[in-house]
Amino acid sequence: MKLRGSMAALLTFFVLTSLAVAQGGMNALTTEPYVPRLGDIMNAIQFRHMKLWFAGKARNWDLAAYELRQLESGLMEAATLYPGIPATNVTRMTDPAQALADAIEAKDSRRFAKAVGEFTGGCNACHQSIGRSFIVMRVPTESPFSNQVFPPPAKP
């Protein structure tokens, strides 16, 4: 029994240490800060792009605004962590992102759909300019998120 308690304590120590390291942004094997791979950042952005679309399509403007903020944060993170990405590629996304924000604020589905198309085009232009033209984005057609409700909750 004493061994089992010691093992549990040791396991708890390693789990808590790993969590502290992860939350502190440090790599557990070194003292270097953790830097996510560009592909991982872009995969997160792709998910945000899908969720943004489905939130706007369902007219859940609060969720759409949230997803847009998260998407913009991801783009800024990519530009900050990977200076090889031309700054013009990130700034080129400013106008489409603003058009999206404006459409969301106006709760205008037609403007939103147009802005998502323009934003998606900006993604593809960036991919082409950095030699990744094989990565082609499009406005989503089906939701892979069967575990999330996109229509806004009913008002009481």
Foldseek 3Di string as FASTA:
>chain_A
DVVVVVVVVVVVVVVVVVVVCVVVQADPVDRDGDQDDLVVLVVLLLVLLQLLLLLLVLLVLVSNVVSLVVNLVSLVSSCVRPVVQDPCLNVVLVVLSVQCVVCSVVSPSVSNVVSSQVNQVSVCVSCVVVVNNVDHDDHDDDDPCPPDDNHDDDDD
